Amino acid sequence: AEVSRLEAASVGAFVELERALRRFGAPRRLALAARRAAD
């Protein structure tokens, strides 16, 4: 139950990570990897 809650929290973490990587001009491959991680 606790692991599932943390996994769900990680979805939002990677969604925001992708946004930040794009905003700060990171290589596209890193942003796409963050999107895949959210999935």
PDB file of all heavy atoms in Angstrom:
ATOM      1  N   ALA A   1       0.840  -1.201   0.000  1.00  0.00           N
ATOM      2  CA  ALA A   1       0.000   0.000   0.000  1.00  0.00           C
ATOM      3  C   ALA A   1       0.873   1.248   0.000  1.00  0.00           C
ATOM      4  O   ALA A   1       0.624   2.211  -0.742  1.00  0.00           O
ATOM      5  CB  ALA A   1      -0.925  -0.002   1.213  1.00  0.00           C
ATOM      6  N   GLU A   2       1.917   1.222   0.823  1.00  0.00           N
ATOM      7  CA  GLU A   2       2.835   2.362   0.886  1.00  0.00           C
ATOM      8  C   GLU A   2       3.650   2.480  -0.397  1.00  0.00           C
ATOM      9  O   GLU A   2       3.861   3.583  -0.917  1.00  0.00           O
ATOM     10  CB  GLU A   2       3.752   2.205   2.094  1.00  0.00           C
ATOM     11  CG  GLU A   2       4.771   3.315   2.275  1.00  0.00           C
ATOM     12  CD  GLU A   2       4.157   4.649   2.668  1.00  0.00           C
ATOM     13  OE1 GLU A   2       2.918   4.728   2.835  1.00  0.00           O
ATOM     14  OE2 GLU A   2       4.910   5.627   2.801  1.00  0.00           O
ATOM     15  N   VAL A   3       4.110   1.347  -0.929  1.00  0.00           N
ATOM     16  CA  VAL A   3       4.876   1.384  -2.174  1.00  0.00           C
ATOM     17  C   VAL A   3       4.016   1.925  -3.306  1.00  0.00           C
ATOM     18  O   VAL A   3       4.463   2.747  -4.117  1.00  0.00           O
ATOM     19  CB  VAL A   3       5.410  -0.019  -2.521  1.00  0.00           C
ATOM     20  CG1 VAL A   3       6.023  -0.025  -3.920  1.00  0.00           C
ATOM     21  CG2 VAL A   3       6.448  -0.466  -1.504  1.00  0.00           C
ATOM     22  N   SER A   4       2.760   1.503  -3.365  1.00  0.00           N
ATOM     23  CA  SER A   4       1.862   1.985  -4.417  1.00  0.00           C
ATOM     24  C   SER A   4       1.645   3.488  -4.306  1.00  0.00           C
ATOM     25  O   SER A   4       1.607   4.206  -5.317  1.00  0.00           O
ATOM     26  CB  SER A   4       0.517   1.246  -4.335  1.00  0.00           C
ATOM     27  OG  SER A   4      -0.345   1.680  -5.362  1.00  0.00           O
ATOM     28  N   ARG A   5       1.517   3.981  -3.089  1.00  0.00           N
ATOM     29  CA  ARG A   5       1.352   5.435  -2.894  1.00  0.00           C
ATOM     30  C   ARG A   5       2.580   6.193  -3.392  1.00  0.00           C
ATOM     31  O   ARG A   5       2.466   7.234  -4.055  1.00  0.00           O
ATOM     32  CB  ARG A   5       1.126   5.737  -1.407  1.00  0.00           C
ATOM     33  CG  ARG A   5       0.902   7.218  -1.093  1.00  0.00           C
ATOM     34  CD  ARG A   5       0.671   7.397   0.389  1.00  0.00           C
ATOM     35  NE  ARG A   5       1.875   7.198   1.160  1.00  0.00           N
ATOM     36  CZ  ARG A   5       2.756   8.157   1.446  1.00  0.00           C
ATOM     37  NH1 ARG A   5       2.569   9.387   1.005  1.00  0.00           N
ATOM     38  NH2 ARG A   5       3.822   7.887   2.159  1.00  0.00           N
ATOM     39  N   LEU A   6       3.758   5.664  -3.113  1.00  0.00           N
ATOM     40  CA  LEU A   6       4.981   6.329  -3.548  1.00  0.00           C
ATOM     41  C   LEU A   6       5.170   6.224  -5.059  1.00  0.00           C
ATOM     42  O   LEU A   6       5.675   7.158  -5.696  1.00  0.00           O
ATOM     43  CB  LEU A   6       6.185   5.739  -2.811  1.00  0.00           C
ATOM     44  CG  LEU A   6       6.252   6.105  -1.331  1.00  0.00           C
ATOM     45  CD1 LEU A   6       7.312   5.272  -0.624  1.00  0.00           C
ATOM     46  CD2 LEU A   6       6.548   7.581  -1.145  1.00  0.00           C
ATOM     47  N   GLU A   7       4.763   5.097  -5.637  1.00  0.00           N
ATOM     48  CA  GLU A   7       4.833   4.968  -7.090  1.00  0.00           C
ATOM     49  C   GLU A   7       3.909   5.994  -7.753  1.00  0.00           C
ATOM     50  O   GLU A   7       4.263   6.615  -8.772  1.00  0.00           O
ATOM     51  CB  GLU A   7       4.444   3.553  -7.531  1.00  0.00           C
ATOM     52  CG  GLU A   7       5.363   2.448  -7.039  1.00  0.00           C
ATOM     53  CD  GLU A   7       6.693   2.407  -7.781  1.00  0.00           C
ATOM     54  OE1 GLU A   7       6.960   3.298  -8.608  1.00  0.00           O
ATOM     55  OE2 GLU A   7       7.476   1.472  -7.535  1.00  0.00           O
ATOM     56  N   ALA A   8       2.724   6.191  -7.182  1.00  0.00           N
ATOM     57  CA  ALA A   8       1.801   7.183  -7.725  1.00  0.00           C
ATOM     58  C   ALA A   8       2.376   8.595  -7.600  1.00  0.00           C
ATOM     59  O   ALA A   8       2.228   9.424  -8.510  1.00  0.00           O
ATOM     60  CB  ALA A   8       0.457   7.095  -6.992  1.00  0.00           C
ATOM     61  N   ALA A   9       3.059   8.857  -6.488  1.00  0.00           N
ATOM     62  CA  ALA A   9       3.694  10.164  -6.326  1.00  0.00           C
ATOM     63  C   ALA A   9       4.796  10.372  -7.353  1.00  0.00           C
ATOM     64  O   ALA A   9       5.021  11.494  -7.832  1.00  0.00           O
ATOM     65  CB  ALA A   9       4.255  10.299  -4.906  1.00  0.00           C
ATOM     66  N   SER A  10       5.476   9.282  -7.717  1.00  0.00           N
ATOM     67  CA  SER A  10       6.563   9.379  -8.688  1.00  0.00           C
ATOM     68  C   SER A  10       6.062   9.758 -10.083  1.00  0.00           C
ATOM     69  O   SER A  10       6.809  10.333 -10.875  1.00  0.00           O
ATOM     70  CB  SER A  10       7.337   8.057  -8.763  1.00  0.00           C
ATOM     71  OG  SER A  10       8.045   7.809  -7.569  1.00  0.00           O
ATOM     72  N   VAL A  11       4.808   9.429 -10.381  1.00  0.00           N
ATOM     73  CA  VAL A  11       4.251   9.842 -11.673  1.00  0.00           C
ATOM     74  C   VAL A  11       4.326  11.355 -11.805  1.00  0.00           C
ATOM     75  O   VAL A  11       4.834  11.901 -12.792  1.00  0.00           O
ATOM     76  CB  VAL A  11       2.791   9.358 -11.829  1.00  0.00           C
ATOM     77  CG1 VAL A  11       2.191   9.903 -13.121  1.00  0.00           C
ATOM     78  CG2 VAL A  11       2.717   7.840 -11.805  1.00  0.00           C
ATOM     79  N   GLY A  12       3.810  12.052 -10.786  1.00  0.00           N
ATOM     80  CA  GLY A  12       3.854  13.509 -10.801  1.00  0.00           C
ATOM     81  C   GLY A  12       5.268  14.050 -10.801  1.00  0.00           C
ATOM     82  O   GLY A  12       5.552  15.080 -11.434  1.00  0.00           O
ATOM     83  N   ALA A  13       6.171  13.349 -10.109  1.00  0.00           N
ATOM     84  CA  ALA A  13       7.569  13.800 -10.064  1.00  0.00           C
ATOM     85  C   ALA A  13       8.175  13.801 -11.458  1.00  0.00           C
ATOM     86  O   ALA A  13       8.881  14.742 -11.849  1.00  0.00           O
ATOM     87  CB  ALA A  13       8.375  12.905  -9.124  1.00  0.00           C
ATOM     88  N   PHE A  14       7.905  12.762 -12.231  1.00  0.00           N
ATOM     89  CA  PHE A  14       8.487  12.688 -13.572  1.00  0.00           C
ATOM     90  C   PHE A  14       7.776  13.600 -14.571  1.00  0.00           C
ATOM     91  O   PHE A  14       8.403  14.091 -15.516  1.00  0.00           O
ATOM     92  CB  PHE A  14       8.499  11.241 -14.065  1.00  0.00           C
ATOM     93  CG  PHE A  14       9.647  10.444 -13.520  1.00  0.00           C
ATOM     94  CD1 PHE A  14       9.432   9.449 -12.584  1.00  0.00           C
ATOM     95  CD2 PHE A  14      10.942  10.715 -13.922  1.00  0.00           C
ATOM     96  CE1 PHE A  14      10.491   8.718 -12.066  1.00  0.00           C
ATOM     97  CE2 PHE A  14      12.017   9.992 -13.406  1.00  0.00           C
ATOM     98  CZ  PHE A  14      11.789   8.996 -12.484  1.00  0.00           C
ATOM     99  N   VAL A  15       6.483  13.822 -14.378  1.00  0.00           N
ATOM    100  CA  VAL A  15       5.776  14.786 -15.234  1.00  0.00           C
ATOM    101  C   VAL A  15       6.392  16.165 -15.074  1.00  0.00           C
ATOM    102  O   VAL A  15       6.678  16.871 -16.056  1.00  0.00           O
ATOM    103  CB  VAL A  15       4.272  14.814 -14.890  1.00  0.00           C
ATOM    104  CG1 VAL A  15       3.585  16.017 -15.553  1.00  0.00           C
ATOM    105  CG2 VAL A  15       3.597  13.521 -15.336  1.00  0.00           C
ATOM    106  N   GLU A  16       6.626  16.569 -13.826  1.00  0.00           N
ATOM    107  CA  GLU A  16       7.236  17.880 -13.590  1.00  0.00           C
ATOM    108  C   GLU A  16       8.694  17.907 -14.023  1.00  0.00           C
ATOM    109  O   GLU A  16       9.199  18.923 -14.494  1.00  0.00           O
ATOM    110  CB  GLU A  16       7.116  18.255 -12.113  1.00  0.00           C
ATOM    111  CG  GLU A  16       7.673  19.629 -11.762  1.00  0.00           C
ATOM    112  CD  GLU A  16       7.147  20.724 -12.676  1.00  0.00           C
ATOM    113  OE1 GLU A  16       5.934  20.731 -12.969  1.00  0.00           O
ATOM    114  OE2 GLU A  16       7.972  21.573 -13.108  1.00  0.00           O
ATOM    115  N   LEU A  17       9.386  16.783 -13.877  1.00  0.00           N
ATOM    116  CA  LEU A  17      10.778  16.714 -14.324  1.00  0.00           C
ATOM    117  C   LEU A  17      10.861  16.939 -15.835  1.00  0.00           C
ATOM    118  O   LEU A  17      11.738  17.671 -16.311  1.00  0.00           O
ATOM    119  CB  LEU A  17      11.382  15.361 -13.956  1.00  0.00           C
ATOM    120  CG  LEU A  17      12.842  15.134 -14.380  1.00  0.00           C
ATOM    121  CD1 LEU A  17      13.764  16.147 -13.724  1.00  0.00           C
ATOM    122  CD2 LEU A  17      13.278  13.704 -14.040  1.00  0.00           C
ATOM    123  N   GLU A  18       9.965  16.321 -16.584  1.00  0.00           N
ATOM    124  CA  GLU A  18       9.976  16.532 -18.032  1.00  0.00           C
ATOM    125  C   GLU A  18       9.762  18.005 -18.368  1.00  0.00           C
ATOM    126  O   GLU A  18      10.469  18.576 -19.213  1.00  0.00           O
ATOM    127  CB  GLU A  18       8.883  15.688 -18.704  1.00  0.00           C
ATOM    128  CG  GLU A  18       8.866  15.876 -20.224  1.00  0.00           C
ATOM    129  CD  GLU A  18       7.612  15.343 -20.892  1.00  0.00           C
ATOM    130  OE1 GLU A  18       6.752  14.762 -20.199  1.00  0.00           O
ATOM    131  OE2 GLU A  18       7.485  15.528 -22.126  1.00  0.00           O
ATOM    132  N   ARG A  19       8.797  18.644 -17.717  1.00  0.00           N
ATOM    133  CA  ARG A  19       8.532  20.062 -17.963  1.00  0.00           C
ATOM    134  C   ARG A  19       9.769  20.906 -17.667  1.00  0.00           C
ATOM    135  O   ARG A  19      10.114  21.814 -18.428  1.00  0.00           O
ATOM    136  CB  ARG A  19       7.361  20.532 -17.100  1.00  0.00           C
ATOM    137  CG  ARG A  19       6.013  19.943 -17.476  1.00  0.00           C
ATOM    138  CD  ARG A  19       4.975  20.331 -16.451  1.00  0.00           C
ATOM    139  NE  ARG A  19       3.683  19.728 -16.737  1.00  0.00           N
ATOM    140  CZ  ARG A  19       2.720  19.592 -15.835  1.00  0.00           C
ATOM    141  NH1 ARG A  19       2.914  20.011 -14.578  1.00  0.00           N
ATOM    142  NH2 ARG A  19       1.559  19.042 -16.171  1.00  0.00           N
ATOM    143  N   ALA A  20      10.419  20.596 -16.546  1.00  0.00           N
ATOM    144  CA  ALA A  20      11.587  21.386 -16.151  1.00  0.00           C
ATOM    145  C   ALA A  20      12.733  21.190 -17.141  1.00  0.00           C
ATOM    146  O   ALA A  20      13.423  22.155 -17.504  1.00  0.00           O
ATOM    147  CB  ALA A  20      12.028  20.978 -14.742  1.00  0.00           C
ATOM    148  N   LEU A  21      12.950  19.968 -17.566  1.00  0.00           N
ATOM    149  CA  LEU A  21      14.032  19.710 -18.522  1.00  0.00           C
ATOM    150  C   LEU A  21      13.799  20.466 -19.830  1.00  0.00           C
ATOM    151  O   LEU A  21      14.730  21.033 -20.414  1.00  0.00           O
ATOM    152  CB  LEU A  21      14.148  18.209 -18.787  1.00  0.00           C
ATOM    153  CG  LEU A  21      14.682  17.373 -17.604  1.00  0.00           C
ATOM    154  CD1 LEU A  21      14.510  15.878 -17.898  1.00  0.00           C
ATOM    155  CD2 LEU A  21      16.131  17.697 -17.300  1.00  0.00           C
ATOM    156  N   ARG A  22      12.572  20.507 -20.287  1.00  0.00           N
ATOM    157  CA  ARG A  22      12.278  21.258 -21.512  1.00  0.00           C
ATOM    158  C   ARG A  22      12.453  22.763 -21.275  1.00  0.00           C
ATOM    159  O   ARG A  22      12.993  23.477 -22.120  1.00  0.00           O
ATOM    160  CB  ARG A  22      10.850  20.953 -21.983  1.00  0.00           C
ATOM    161  CG  ARG A  22      10.661  19.508 -22.439  1.00  0.00           C
ATOM    162  CD  ARG A  22       9.280  19.292 -23.046  1.00  0.00           C
ATOM    163  NE  ARG A  22       9.029  17.894 -23.379  1.00  0.00           N
ATOM    164  CZ  ARG A  22       9.466  17.300 -24.486  1.00  0.00           C
ATOM    165  NH1 ARG A  22      10.191  17.982 -25.363  1.00  0.00           N
ATOM    166  NH2 ARG A  22       9.193  16.020 -24.714  1.00  0.00           N
ATOM    167  N   ARG A  23      11.992  23.222 -20.109  1.00  0.00           N
ATOM    168  CA  ARG A  23      12.076  24.662 -19.813  1.00  0.00           C
ATOM    169  C   ARG A  23      13.515  25.139 -19.696  1.00  0.00           C
ATOM    170  O   ARG A  23      13.838  26.257 -20.111  1.00  0.00           O
ATOM    171  CB  ARG A  23      11.313  24.951 -18.514  1.00  0.00           C
ATOM    172  CG  ARG A  23      11.127  26.430 -18.214  1.00  0.00           C
ATOM    173  CD  ARG A  23      10.115  26.658 -17.111  1.00  0.00           C
ATOM    174  NE  ARG A  23      10.577  26.216 -15.805  1.00  0.00           N
ATOM    175  CZ  ARG A  23      10.104  25.179 -15.155  1.00  0.00           C
ATOM    176  NH1 ARG A  23       9.171  24.400 -15.684  1.00  0.00           N
ATOM    177  NH2 ARG A  23      10.566  24.858 -13.952  1.00  0.00           N
ATOM    178  N   PHE A  24      14.385  24.299 -19.146  1.00  0.00           N
ATOM    179  CA  PHE A  24      15.775  24.698 -18.945  1.00  0.00           C
ATOM    180  C   PHE A  24      16.693  24.314 -20.108  1.00  0.00           C
ATOM    181  O   PHE A  24      17.905  24.465 -20.014  1.00  0.00           O
ATOM    182  CB  PHE A  24      16.315  24.091 -17.646  1.00  0.00           C
ATOM    183  CG  PHE A  24      15.664  24.653 -16.398  1.00  0.00           C
ATOM    184  CD1 PHE A  24      15.050  23.822 -15.475  1.00  0.00           C
ATOM    185  CD2 PHE A  24      15.664  26.023 -16.154  1.00  0.00           C
ATOM    186  CE1 PHE A  24      14.461  24.323 -14.329  1.00  0.00           C
ATOM    187  CE2 PHE A  24      15.067  26.542 -15.004  1.00  0.00           C
ATOM    188  CZ  PHE A  24      14.462  25.697 -14.094  1.00  0.00           C
ATOM    189  N   GLY A  25      16.104  23.799 -21.192  1.00  0.00           N
ATOM    190  CA  GLY A  25      16.898  23.548 -22.392  1.00  0.00           C
ATOM    191  C   GLY A  25      17.728  22.292 -22.376  1.00  0.00           C
ATOM    192  O   GLY A  25      18.774  22.228 -23.036  1.00  0.00           O
ATOM    193  N   ALA A  26      17.273  21.264 -21.673  1.00  0.00           N
ATOM    194  CA  ALA A  26      18.012  19.999 -21.642  1.00  0.00           C
ATOM    195  C   ALA A  26      17.891  19.294 -22.989  1.00  0.00           C
ATOM    196  O   ALA A  26      16.967  19.556 -23.759  1.00  0.00           O
ATOM    197  CB  ALA A  26      17.461  19.109 -20.535  1.00  0.00           C
ATOM    198  N   PRO A  27      18.799  18.384 -23.297  1.00  0.00           N
ATOM    199  CA  PRO A  27      18.670  17.589 -24.524  1.00  0.00           C
ATOM    200  C   PRO A  27      17.319  16.885 -24.579  1.00  0.00           C
ATOM    201  O   PRO A  27      16.798  16.415 -23.560  1.00  0.00           O
ATOM    202  CB  PRO A  27      19.822  16.580 -24.406  1.00  0.00           C
ATOM    203  CG  PRO A  27      20.829  17.263 -23.540  1.00  0.00           C
ATOM    204  CD  PRO A  27      20.027  18.054 -22.548  1.00  0.00           C
ATOM    205  N   ARG A  28      16.755  16.800 -25.761  1.00  0.00           N
ATOM    206  CA  ARG A  28      15.421  16.234 -25.947  1.00  0.00           C
ATOM    207  C   ARG A  28      15.348  14.802 -25.422  1.00  0.00           C
ATOM    208  O   ARG A  28      14.315  14.378 -24.882  1.00  0.00           O
ATOM    209  CB  ARG A  28      15.045  16.291 -27.434  1.00  0.00           C
ATOM    210  CG  ARG A  28      13.628  15.825 -27.755  1.00  0.00           C
ATOM    211  CD  ARG A  28      13.286  16.164 -29.202  1.00  0.00           C
ATOM    212  NE  ARG A  28      11.942  15.724 -29.538  1.00  0.00           N
ATOM    213  CZ  ARG A  28      11.632  14.545 -30.059  1.00  0.00           C
ATOM    214  NH1 ARG A  28      12.619  13.677 -30.326  1.00  0.00           N
ATOM    215  NH2 ARG A  28      10.384  14.221 -30.329  1.00  0.00           N
ATOM    216  N   ARG A  29      16.433  14.036 -25.542  1.00  0.00           N
ATOM    217  CA  ARG A  29      16.425  12.645 -25.110  1.00  0.00           C
ATOM    218  C   ARG A  29      16.166  12.525 -23.610  1.00  0.00           C
ATOM    219  O   ARG A  29      15.549  11.550 -23.156  1.00  0.00           O
ATOM    220  CB  ARG A  29      17.732  11.955 -25.486  1.00  0.00           C
ATOM    221  CG  ARG A  29      18.970  12.552 -24.828  1.00  0.00           C
ATOM    222  CD  ARG A  29      20.255  11.874 -25.254  1.00  0.00           C
ATOM    223  NE  ARG A  29      21.413  12.510 -24.662  1.00  0.00           N
ATOM    224  CZ  ARG A  29      21.847  12.260 -23.434  1.00  0.00           C
ATOM    225  NH1 ARG A  29      21.222  11.352 -22.703  1.00  0.00           N
ATOM    226  NH2 ARG A  29      22.914  12.881 -22.964  1.00  0.00           N
ATOM    227  N   LEU A  30      16.625  13.518 -22.833  1.00  0.00           N
ATOM    228  CA  LEU A  30      16.402  13.474 -21.391  1.00  0.00           C
ATOM    229  C   LEU A  30      14.931  13.731 -21.056  1.00  0.00           C
ATOM    230  O   LEU A  30      14.352  13.065 -20.192  1.00  0.00           O
ATOM    231  CB  LEU A  30      17.296  14.492 -20.680  1.00  0.00           C
ATOM    232  CG  LEU A  30      18.808  14.266 -20.790  1.00  0.00           C
ATOM    233  CD1 LEU A  30      19.561  15.334 -20.007  1.00  0.00           C
ATOM    234  CD2 LEU A  30      19.195  12.869 -20.294  1.00  0.00           C
ATOM    235  N   ALA A  31      14.338  14.706 -21.736  1.00  0.00           N
ATOM    236  CA  ALA A  31      12.922  14.997 -21.504  1.00  0.00           C
ATOM    237  C   ALA A  31      12.049  13.809 -21.911  1.00  0.00           C
ATOM    238  O   ALA A  31      11.092  13.457 -21.202  1.00  0.00           O
ATOM    239  CB  ALA A  31      12.518  16.256 -22.272  1.00  0.00           C
ATOM    240  N   LEU A  32      12.374  13.182 -23.037  1.00  0.00           N
ATOM    241  CA  LEU A  32      11.602  12.025 -23.477  1.00  0.00           C
ATOM    242  C   LEU A  32      11.767  10.859 -22.513  1.00  0.00           C
ATOM    243  O   LEU A  32      10.818  10.097 -22.265  1.00  0.00           O
ATOM    244  CB  LEU A  32      12.040  11.614 -24.887  1.00  0.00           C
ATOM    245  CG  LEU A  32      11.659  12.575 -26.018  1.00  0.00           C
ATOM    246  CD1 LEU A  32      12.235  12.090 -27.340  1.00  0.00           C
ATOM    247  CD2 LEU A  32      10.141  12.730 -26.110  1.00  0.00           C
ATOM    248  N   ALA A  33      12.958  10.704 -21.947  1.00  0.00           N
ATOM    249  CA  ALA A  33      13.182   9.639 -20.959  1.00  0.00           C
ATOM    250  C   ALA A  33      12.364   9.879 -19.700  1.00  0.00           C
ATOM    251  O   ALA A  33      11.844   8.935 -19.084  1.00  0.00           O
ATOM    252  CB  ALA A  33      14.672   9.554 -20.620  1.00  0.00           C
ATOM    253  N   ALA A  34      12.225  11.154 -19.299  1.00  0.00           N
ATOM    254  CA  ALA A  34      11.402  11.479 -18.134  1.00  0.00           C
ATOM    255  C   ALA A  34       9.932  11.173 -18.417  1.00  0.00           C
ATOM    256  O   ALA A  34       9.212  10.672 -17.545  1.00  0.00           O
ATOM    257  CB  ALA A  34      11.571  12.949 -17.762  1.00  0.00           C
ATOM    258  N   ARG A  35       9.476  11.448 -19.652  1.00  0.00           N
ATOM    259  CA  ARG A  35       8.084  11.134 -20.012  1.00  0.00           C
ATOM    260  C   ARG A  35       7.862   9.628 -19.953  1.00  0.00           C
ATOM    261  O   ARG A  35       6.841   9.163 -19.444  1.00  0.00           O
ATOM    262  CB  ARG A  35       7.760  11.664 -21.406  1.00  0.00           C
ATOM    263  CG  ARG A  35       6.348  11.289 -21.876  1.00  0.00           C
ATOM    264  CD  ARG A  35       6.086  11.742 -23.294  1.00  0.00           C
ATOM    265  NE  ARG A  35       6.111  13.191 -23.410  1.00  0.00           N
ATOM    266  CZ  ARG A  35       5.852  13.838 -24.551  1.00  0.00           C
ATOM    267  NH1 ARG A  35       5.588  13.152 -25.666  1.00  0.00           N
ATOM    268  NH2 ARG A  35       5.892  15.167 -24.591  1.00  0.00           N
ATOM    269  N   ARG A  36       8.807   8.866 -20.484  1.00  0.00           N
ATOM    270  CA  ARG A  36       8.687   7.410 -20.441  1.00  0.00           C
ATOM    271  C   ARG A  36       8.663   6.914 -19.001  1.00  0.00           C
ATOM    272  O   ARG A  36       7.912   5.990 -18.663  1.00  0.00           O
ATOM    273  CB  ARG A  36       9.844   6.766 -21.204  1.00  0.00           C
ATOM    274  CG  ARG A  36       9.807   5.245 -21.200  1.00  0.00           C
ATOM    275  CD  ARG A  36      11.028   4.635 -21.876  1.00  0.00           C
ATOM    276  NE  ARG A  36      10.980   3.180 -21.848  1.00  0.00           N
ATOM    277  CZ  ARG A  36      11.941   2.393 -22.301  1.00  0.00           C
ATOM    278  NH1 ARG A  36      13.032   2.912 -22.845  1.00  0.00           N
ATOM    279  NH2 ARG A  36      11.831   1.072 -22.219  1.00  0.00           N
ATOM    280  N   ALA A  37       9.472   7.549 -18.137  1.00  0.00           N
ATOM    281  CA  ALA A  37       9.519   7.146 -16.735  1.00  0.00           C
ATOM    282  C   ALA A  37       8.168   7.367 -16.057  1.00  0.00           C
ATOM    283  O   ALA A  37       7.751   6.557 -15.215  1.00  0.00           O
ATOM    284  CB  ALA A  37      10.617   7.918 -16.006  1.00  0.00           C
ATOM    285  N   ALA A  38       7.475   8.468 -16.398  1.00  0.00           N
ATOM    286  CA  ALA A  38       6.148   8.711 -15.827  1.00  0.00           C
ATOM    287  C   ALA A  38       5.188   7.594 -16.215  1.00  0.00           C
ATOM    288  O   ALA A  38       4.386   7.118 -15.386  1.00  0.00           O
ATOM    289  CB  ALA A  38       5.611  10.067 -16.303  1.00  0.00           C
ATOM    290  N   ASP A  39       5.274   7.130 -17.475  1.00  0.00           N
ATOM    291  CA  ASP A  39       4.440   6.004 -17.903  1.00  0.00           C
ATOM    292  C   ASP A  39       4.801   4.737 -17.136  1.00  0.00           C
ATOM    293  O   ASP A  39       3.921   3.953 -16.753  1.00  0.00           O
ATOM    294  CB  ASP A  39       4.607   5.770 -19.405  1.00  0.00           C
ATOM    295  CG  ASP A  39       4.002   6.880 -20.252  1.00  0.00           C
ATOM    296  OD1 ASP A  39       3.084   7.577 -19.747  1.00  0.00           O
ATOM    297  OD2 ASP A  39       4.442   7.062 -21.400  1.00  0.00           O
TER     298      ASP A  39
END
